[in-house]
Amino acid sequence: MANIRDLKKDINYVLGDIIEAVYIVDAANNKPDSKEGAKIIDSAIETFDDLIAKVNQRGVENRASHLKEVREELEKKGKALIENLNKLS
């Protein structure tokens, strides 16, 4: 079973790195606080809140399966955010 603490760290690191990358791309393009970048950041924050809430859910029948689904959702949503980030460049 995945360690819950490690899963929370992974969520934080992945989404934090995406947010940081948005700031770097915006700075490189001389577009601080771009609307497109703000949308990606807002989406990353929403995803973070959603995934952390799912990790903290109590009373799920199969905890290991539930955490595996959360990790897969992190991967899927992270890839989508990175694709949007690549469009900023």
C-alpha atoms as a PDB file:
ATOM      1  CA  MET A   1       0.000   0.000   0.000  1.00  0.00           C
ATOM      2  CA  ALA A   2       1.216   3.473  -0.835  1.00  0.00           C
ATOM      3  CA  ASN A   3       2.363   5.498   2.100  1.00  0.00           C
ATOM      4  CA  ILE A   4      -0.155   8.307   2.625  1.00  0.00           C
ATOM      5  CA  ARG A   5       2.545  10.783   3.620  1.00  0.00           C
ATOM      6  CA  ASP A   6       4.487  10.052   0.427  1.00  0.00           C
ATOM      7  CA  LEU A   7       1.355  10.445  -1.679  1.00  0.00           C
ATOM      8  CA  LYS A   8       0.640  13.830  -0.095  1.00  0.00           C
ATOM      9  CA  LYS A   9       4.243  14.884  -0.751  1.00  0.00           C
ATOM     10  CA  ASP A  10       3.973  13.753  -4.373  1.00  0.00           C
ATOM     11  CA  ILE A  11       0.778  15.779  -4.825  1.00  0.00           C
ATOM     12  CA  ASN A  12       2.441  18.823  -3.299  1.00  0.00           C
ATOM     13  CA  TYR A  13       5.655  18.496  -5.311  1.00  0.00           C
ATOM     14  CA  VAL A  14       4.022  17.807  -8.679  1.00  0.00           C
ATOM     15  CA  LEU A  15       1.488  20.606  -8.486  1.00  0.00           C
ATOM     16  CA  GLY A  16       3.946  22.988  -6.822  1.00  0.00           C
ATOM     17  CA  ASP A  17       6.449  22.408  -9.615  1.00  0.00           C
ATOM     18  CA  ILE A  18       3.765  23.099 -12.226  1.00  0.00           C
ATOM     19  CA  ILE A  19       2.862  26.385 -10.529  1.00  0.00           C
ATOM     20  CA  GLU A  20       6.531  27.341 -10.335  1.00  0.00           C
ATOM     21  CA  ALA A  21       6.975  26.500 -14.022  1.00  0.00           C
ATOM     22  CA  VAL A  22       4.086  28.823 -14.916  1.00  0.00           C
ATOM     23  CA  TYR A  23       5.847  31.690 -13.160  1.00  0.00           C
ATOM     24  CA  ILE A  24       9.104  30.872 -14.940  1.00  0.00           C
ATOM     25  CA  VAL A  25       7.457  30.720 -18.381  1.00  0.00           C
ATOM     26  CA  ASP A  26       5.574  33.964 -17.740  1.00  0.00           C
ATOM     27  CA  ALA A  27       8.788  35.679 -16.649  1.00  0.00           C
ATOM     28  CA  ALA A  28      10.692  34.345 -19.660  1.00  0.00           C
ATOM     29  CA  ASN A  29       7.986  35.647 -22.000  1.00  0.00           C
ATOM     30  CA  ASN A  30       7.842  39.032 -20.207  1.00  0.00           C
ATOM     31  CA  LYS A  31       4.181  38.415 -19.384  1.00  0.00           C
ATOM     32  CA  PRO A  32       3.953  38.472 -15.594  1.00  0.00           C
ATOM     33  CA  ASP A  33       0.496  37.511 -14.348  1.00  0.00           C
ATOM     34  CA  SER A  34      -0.823  36.357 -17.720  1.00  0.00           C
ATOM     35  CA  LYS A  35      -4.453  35.225 -17.821  1.00  0.00           C
ATOM     36  CA  GLU A  36      -3.506  31.856 -19.298  1.00  0.00           C
ATOM     37  CA  GLY A  37      -0.930  31.291 -16.570  1.00  0.00           C
ATOM     38  CA  ALA A  38      -3.421  32.288 -13.890  1.00  0.00           C
ATOM     39  CA  LYS A  39      -5.895  29.722 -15.228  1.00  0.00           C
ATOM     40  CA  ILE A  40      -3.275  26.969 -14.997  1.00  0.00           C
ATOM     41  CA  ILE A  41      -2.344  28.020 -11.462  1.00  0.00           C
ATOM     42  CA  ASP A  42      -6.009  28.102 -10.387  1.00  0.00           C
ATOM     43  CA  SER A  43      -6.544  24.669 -11.900  1.00  0.00           C
ATOM     44  CA  ALA A  44      -3.461  23.302 -10.110  1.00  0.00           C
ATOM     45  CA  ILE A  45      -4.704  24.673  -6.781  1.00  0.00           C
ATOM     46  CA  GLU A  46      -8.163  23.167  -7.351  1.00  0.00           C
ATOM     47  CA  THR A  47      -6.572  19.839  -8.215  1.00  0.00           C
ATOM     48  CA  PHE A  48      -4.417  19.994  -5.087  1.00  0.00           C
ATOM     49  CA  ASP A  49      -7.416  20.670  -2.846  1.00  0.00           C
ATOM     50  CA  ASP A  50      -9.450  17.921  -4.506  1.00  0.00           C
ATOM     51  CA  LEU A  51      -6.726  15.279  -4.296  1.00  0.00           C
ATOM     52  CA  ILE A  52      -5.782  16.057  -0.687  1.00  0.00           C
ATOM     53  CA  ALA A  53      -9.463  15.812   0.273  1.00  0.00           C
ATOM     54  CA  LYS A  54      -9.633  12.406  -1.424  1.00  0.00           C
ATOM     55  CA  VAL A  55      -6.513  11.196   0.375  1.00  0.00           C
ATOM     56  CA  ASN A  56      -7.989  12.282   3.713  1.00  0.00           C
ATOM     57  CA  GLN A  57     -11.338  10.534   3.135  1.00  0.00           C
ATOM     58  CA  ARG A  58     -12.234   8.141   5.877  1.00  0.00           C
ATOM     59  CA  GLY A  59     -14.448   5.118   5.563  1.00  0.00           C
ATOM     60  CA  VAL A  60     -13.500   4.022   2.068  1.00  0.00           C
ATOM     61  CA  GLU A  61     -13.945   0.292   1.614  1.00  0.00           C
ATOM     62  CA  ASN A  62     -10.601  -0.532   0.027  1.00  0.00           C
ATOM     63  CA  ARG A  63      -8.059   2.065   1.157  1.00  0.00           C
ATOM     64  CA  ALA A  64      -5.214   0.748  -1.006  1.00  0.00           C
ATOM     65  CA  SER A  65      -7.341   0.806  -4.142  1.00  0.00           C
ATOM     66  CA  HIS A  66      -8.632   4.268  -3.288  1.00  0.00           C
ATOM     67  CA  LEU A  67      -5.110   5.662  -2.880  1.00  0.00           C
ATOM     68  CA  LYS A  68      -4.041   4.022  -6.144  1.00  0.00           C
ATOM     69  CA  GLU A  69      -6.915   5.803  -7.899  1.00  0.00           C
ATOM     70  CA  VAL A  70      -5.843   9.113  -6.341  1.00  0.00           C
ATOM     71  CA  ARG A  71      -2.279   8.581  -7.586  1.00  0.00           C
ATOM     72  CA  GLU A  72      -3.568   7.783 -11.097  1.00  0.00           C
ATOM     73  CA  GLU A  73      -5.750  10.895 -11.022  1.00  0.00           C
ATOM     74  CA  LEU A  74      -2.702  12.967 -10.003  1.00  0.00           C
ATOM     75  CA  GLU A  75      -0.799  11.588 -12.975  1.00  0.00           C
ATOM     76  CA  LYS A  76      -3.661  12.257 -15.400  1.00  0.00           C
ATOM     77  CA  LYS A  77      -4.392  15.779 -14.179  1.00  0.00           C
ATOM     78  CA  GLY A  78      -0.689  16.596 -13.895  1.00  0.00           C
ATOM     79  CA  LYS A  79      -0.138  15.637 -17.534  1.00  0.00           C
ATOM     80  CA  ALA A  80      -3.084  17.802 -18.600  1.00  0.00           C
ATOM     81  CA  LEU A  81      -1.699  20.780 -16.688  1.00  0.00           C
ATOM     82  CA  ILE A  82       1.744  20.262 -18.220  1.00  0.00           C
ATOM     83  CA  GLU A  83       0.212  20.175 -21.703  1.00  0.00           C
ATOM     84  CA  ASN A  84      -1.488  23.501 -20.972  1.00  0.00           C
ATOM     85  CA  LEU A  85       1.800  24.853 -19.637  1.00  0.00           C
ATOM     86  CA  ASN A  86       3.592  23.827 -22.826  1.00  0.00           C
ATOM     87  CA  LYS A  87       1.068  25.849 -24.813  1.00  0.00           C
ATOM     88  CA  LEU A  88       2.135  28.986 -22.923  1.00  0.00           C
ATOM     89  CA  SER A  89       5.638  28.851 -24.367  1.00  0.00           C
END
